[in-house]
Amino acid sequence: MEMFVIYFNPSDFVGCMVIRRFSICGDGAILPDEQAWYVHSAADRSRECLEDVRQHIPSGLTCIKRSLYDDPVIVETWV
């Protein structure tokens, strides 16, 4: 199973919106890809920018909004 997380302004891509892919293993382990899945280099937190980034999320997934306990750079997660 895969999970995609959208971040805004992570420390390794300052000022960008980034998608990272994670693999969820049968034992519950979550393994991140070594590289970012997608980077939007001229990003802001606008709805328009987020919609553009969402176009790169594979279809058929469900969005989970961020929790108050998530890292502040996390925008949303798709599973």
N, C-alpha and C. Protein backbone atom coordinates (compact mmCIF):
# COMPACT_ATOMS: atom_id res chain seq x y z
N MET A 1 0.85 -1.17 0.00
CA MET A 1 0.00 0.00 0.00
C MET A 1 0.89 1.24 0.00
N GLU A 2 0.41 2.30 -0.63
CA GLU A 2 1.18 3.54 -0.69
C GLU A 2 0.42 4.68 -0.01
N MET A 3 1.19 5.64 0.48
CA MET A 3 0.65 6.84 1.10
C MET A 3 1.43 8.02 0.53
N PHE A 4 0.74 9.10 0.22
CA PHE A 4 1.38 10.30 -0.31
C PHE A 4 1.08 11.46 0.63
N VAL A 5 2.13 12.18 1.03
CA VAL A 5 1.98 13.30 1.96
C VAL A 5 2.39 14.58 1.25
N ILE A 6 1.53 15.60 1.33
CA ILE A 6 1.85 16.91 0.77
C ILE A 6 2.38 17.79 1.90
N TYR A 7 3.54 18.39 1.65
CA TYR A 7 4.19 19.28 2.61
C TYR A 7 4.29 20.68 2.02
N PHE A 8 4.27 21.70 2.87
CA PHE A 8 4.57 23.05 2.43
C PHE A 8 5.75 23.56 3.26
N ASN A 9 6.80 23.98 2.57
CA ASN A 9 7.98 24.59 3.17
C ASN A 9 8.78 23.64 4.07
N PRO A 10 9.03 22.38 3.63
CA PRO A 10 9.88 21.51 4.44
C PRO A 10 11.32 22.02 4.41
N SER A 11 12.12 21.63 5.38
CA SER A 11 13.48 22.16 5.52
C SER A 11 14.37 21.87 4.32
N ASP A 12 14.10 20.79 3.58
CA ASP A 12 14.95 20.47 2.42
C ASP A 12 14.44 21.09 1.12
N PHE A 13 13.25 21.69 1.13
CA PHE A 13 12.70 22.39 -0.04
C PHE A 13 11.99 23.65 0.43
N VAL A 14 12.76 24.59 0.98
CA VAL A 14 12.20 25.82 1.54
C VAL A 14 11.43 26.59 0.47
N GLY A 15 10.21 27.02 0.82
CA GLY A 15 9.38 27.80 -0.09
C GLY A 15 8.66 26.97 -1.13
N CYS A 16 8.74 25.65 -1.03
CA CYS A 16 8.12 24.77 -2.03
C CYS A 16 7.02 23.92 -1.42
N MET A 17 6.15 23.42 -2.29
CA MET A 17 5.17 22.42 -1.91
C MET A 17 5.67 21.09 -2.47
N VAL A 18 5.72 20.06 -1.64
CA VAL A 18 6.36 18.80 -1.98
C VAL A 18 5.42 17.63 -1.71
N ILE A 19 5.46 16.63 -2.59
CA ILE A 19 4.77 15.36 -2.34
C ILE A 19 5.84 14.31 -2.06
N ARG A 20 5.66 13.57 -0.99
CA ARG A 20 6.54 12.44 -0.68
C ARG A 20 5.70 11.17 -0.64
N ARG A 21 6.25 10.10 -1.21
CA ARG A 21 5.56 8.81 -1.22
C ARG A 21 6.15 7.91 -0.14
N PHE A 22 5.28 7.19 0.54
CA PHE A 22 5.67 6.22 1.56
C PHE A 22 5.04 4.88 1.22
N SER A 23 5.76 3.81 1.45
CA SER A 23 5.22 2.45 1.30
C SER A 23 4.83 1.95 2.68
N ILE A 24 3.61 1.41 2.78
CA ILE A 24 3.13 0.84 4.03
C ILE A 24 3.23 -0.67 3.89
N CYS A 25 4.07 -1.28 4.71
CA CYS A 25 4.32 -2.72 4.63
C CYS A 25 3.27 -3.51 5.40
N GLY A 26 3.20 -4.79 5.12
CA GLY A 26 2.24 -5.67 5.78
C GLY A 26 2.38 -5.71 7.29
N ASP A 27 3.60 -5.47 7.79
CA ASP A 27 3.82 -5.48 9.24
C ASP A 27 3.55 -4.12 9.88
N GLY A 28 3.08 -3.15 9.06
CA GLY A 28 2.77 -1.82 9.57
C GLY A 28 3.91 -0.83 9.46
N ALA A 29 5.08 -1.28 9.06
CA ALA A 29 6.22 -0.37 8.89
C ALA A 29 5.92 0.60 7.74
N ILE A 30 6.34 1.85 7.91
CA ILE A 30 6.15 2.88 6.88
C ILE A 30 7.53 3.29 6.38
N LEU A 31 7.78 3.06 5.08
CA LEU A 31 9.09 3.32 4.49
C LEU A 31 8.99 4.47 3.49
N PRO A 32 9.75 5.55 3.71
CA PRO A 32 9.71 6.68 2.78
C PRO A 32 10.57 6.41 1.54
N ASP A 33 10.16 7.00 0.41
CA ASP A 33 11.03 7.00 -0.76
C ASP A 33 12.24 7.87 -0.43
N GLU A 34 13.36 7.61 -1.09
CA GLU A 34 14.56 8.40 -0.83
C GLU A 34 14.47 9.81 -1.41
N GLN A 35 13.70 9.98 -2.48
CA GLN A 35 13.58 11.29 -3.11
C GLN A 35 12.14 11.76 -3.08
N ALA A 36 11.95 13.07 -3.18
CA ALA A 36 10.60 13.63 -3.24
C ALA A 36 9.90 13.14 -4.49
N TRP A 37 8.61 12.88 -4.39
CA TRP A 37 7.79 12.41 -5.50
C TRP A 37 7.56 13.54 -6.49
N TYR A 38 7.27 14.73 -5.99
CA TYR A 38 6.99 15.90 -6.83
C TYR A 38 7.32 17.15 -6.04
N VAL A 39 7.88 18.16 -6.71
CA VAL A 39 8.20 19.44 -6.07
C VAL A 39 7.63 20.57 -6.91
N HIS A 40 6.82 21.43 -6.29
CA HIS A 40 6.28 22.63 -6.94
C HIS A 40 7.14 23.78 -6.44
N SER A 41 8.03 24.29 -7.29
CA SER A 41 9.08 25.20 -6.84
C SER A 41 8.64 26.63 -6.55
N ALA A 42 7.52 27.07 -7.09
CA ALA A 42 7.07 28.44 -6.84
C ALA A 42 5.79 28.41 -6.01
N ALA A 43 5.84 27.69 -4.92
CA ALA A 43 4.62 27.41 -4.16
C ALA A 43 4.31 28.48 -3.13
N ASP A 44 3.04 28.60 -2.86
CA ASP A 44 2.54 29.30 -1.69
C ASP A 44 1.42 28.42 -1.14
N ARG A 45 0.78 28.84 -0.10
CA ARG A 45 -0.26 27.99 0.50
C ARG A 45 -1.62 28.26 -0.10
N SER A 46 -1.68 28.88 -1.27
CA SER A 46 -2.97 29.20 -1.88
C SER A 46 -3.69 27.93 -2.32
N ARG A 47 -5.00 28.04 -2.42
CA ARG A 47 -5.84 26.93 -2.89
C ARG A 47 -5.43 26.54 -4.31
N GLU A 48 -5.09 27.52 -5.14
CA GLU A 48 -4.69 27.25 -6.53
C GLU A 48 -3.43 26.40 -6.59
N CYS A 49 -2.46 26.72 -5.77
CA CYS A 49 -1.21 25.96 -5.74
C CYS A 49 -1.47 24.53 -5.25
N LEU A 50 -2.27 24.39 -4.21
CA LEU A 50 -2.58 23.06 -3.68
C LEU A 50 -3.31 22.23 -4.72
N GLU A 51 -4.24 22.82 -5.45
CA GLU A 51 -4.96 22.09 -6.50
C GLU A 51 -3.99 21.60 -7.58
N ASP A 52 -3.01 22.44 -7.93
CA ASP A 52 -2.01 22.03 -8.93
C ASP A 52 -1.20 20.84 -8.43
N VAL A 53 -0.77 20.89 -7.19
CA VAL A 53 0.02 19.79 -6.62
C VAL A 53 -0.82 18.52 -6.54
N ARG A 54 -2.08 18.64 -6.16
CA ARG A 54 -2.96 17.46 -6.06
C ARG A 54 -3.10 16.73 -7.39
N GLN A 55 -2.90 17.40 -8.50
CA GLN A 55 -2.99 16.76 -9.81
C GLN A 55 -1.95 15.65 -9.97
N HIS A 56 -0.92 15.66 -9.13
CA HIS A 56 0.16 14.68 -9.21
C HIS A 56 -0.02 13.51 -8.24
N ILE A 57 -1.12 13.52 -7.49
CA ILE A 57 -1.46 12.41 -6.60
C ILE A 57 -2.19 11.36 -7.45
N PRO A 58 -1.83 10.10 -7.35
CA PRO A 58 -2.54 9.07 -8.13
C PRO A 58 -4.05 9.08 -7.82
N SER A 59 -4.84 8.81 -8.83
CA SER A 59 -6.30 8.82 -8.65
C SER A 59 -6.75 7.64 -7.81
N GLY A 60 -7.93 7.77 -7.22
CA GLY A 60 -8.52 6.70 -6.44
C GLY A 60 -8.15 6.70 -4.97
N LEU A 61 -7.36 7.68 -4.53
CA LEU A 61 -6.97 7.74 -3.13
C LEU A 61 -7.89 8.67 -2.35
N THR A 62 -7.86 8.55 -1.03
CA THR A 62 -8.69 9.35 -0.14
C THR A 62 -7.81 10.31 0.64
N CYS A 63 -8.27 11.56 0.74
CA CYS A 63 -7.52 12.60 1.46
C CYS A 63 -7.84 12.55 2.95
N ILE A 64 -6.78 12.61 3.75
CA ILE A 64 -6.91 12.73 5.20
C ILE A 64 -6.32 14.10 5.56
N LYS A 65 -7.15 14.97 6.10
CA LYS A 65 -6.68 16.30 6.48
C LYS A 65 -5.68 16.19 7.63
N ARG A 66 -4.85 17.19 7.76
CA ARG A 66 -3.81 17.15 8.78
C ARG A 66 -4.42 17.19 10.18
N SER A 67 -3.74 16.56 11.10
CA SER A 67 -4.12 16.54 12.50
C SER A 67 -3.40 17.68 13.21
N LEU A 68 -3.95 18.14 14.30
CA LEU A 68 -3.28 19.16 15.10
C LEU A 68 -1.93 18.66 15.62
N TYR A 69 -1.75 17.34 15.66
CA TYR A 69 -0.52 16.74 16.17
C TYR A 69 0.52 16.52 15.08
N ASP A 70 0.16 16.74 13.81
CA ASP A 70 1.11 16.59 12.71
C ASP A 70 2.16 17.70 12.74
N ASP A 71 3.28 17.41 12.12
CA ASP A 71 4.30 18.44 11.91
C ASP A 71 3.65 19.59 11.16
N PRO A 72 3.93 20.84 11.52
CA PRO A 72 3.28 21.99 10.86
C PRO A 72 3.50 22.06 9.35
N VAL A 73 4.53 21.41 8.82
CA VAL A 73 4.77 21.47 7.37
C VAL A 73 3.87 20.51 6.59
N ILE A 74 3.17 19.60 7.27
CA ILE A 74 2.26 18.67 6.60
C ILE A 74 0.96 19.38 6.27
N VAL A 75 0.55 19.30 4.99
CA VAL A 75 -0.70 19.90 4.54
C VAL A 75 -1.82 18.86 4.59
N GLU A 76 -1.58 17.70 3.98
CA GLU A 76 -2.58 16.62 3.97
C GLU A 76 -1.91 15.33 3.54
N THR A 77 -2.61 14.22 3.76
CA THR A 77 -2.11 12.89 3.43
C THR A 77 -3.14 12.18 2.57
N TRP A 78 -2.68 11.41 1.58
CA TRP A 78 -3.56 10.64 0.69
C TRP A 78 -3.23 9.16 0.82
N VAL A 79 -4.26 8.34 1.06
CA VAL A 79 -4.08 6.88 1.16
C VAL A 79 -5.11 6.19 0.29
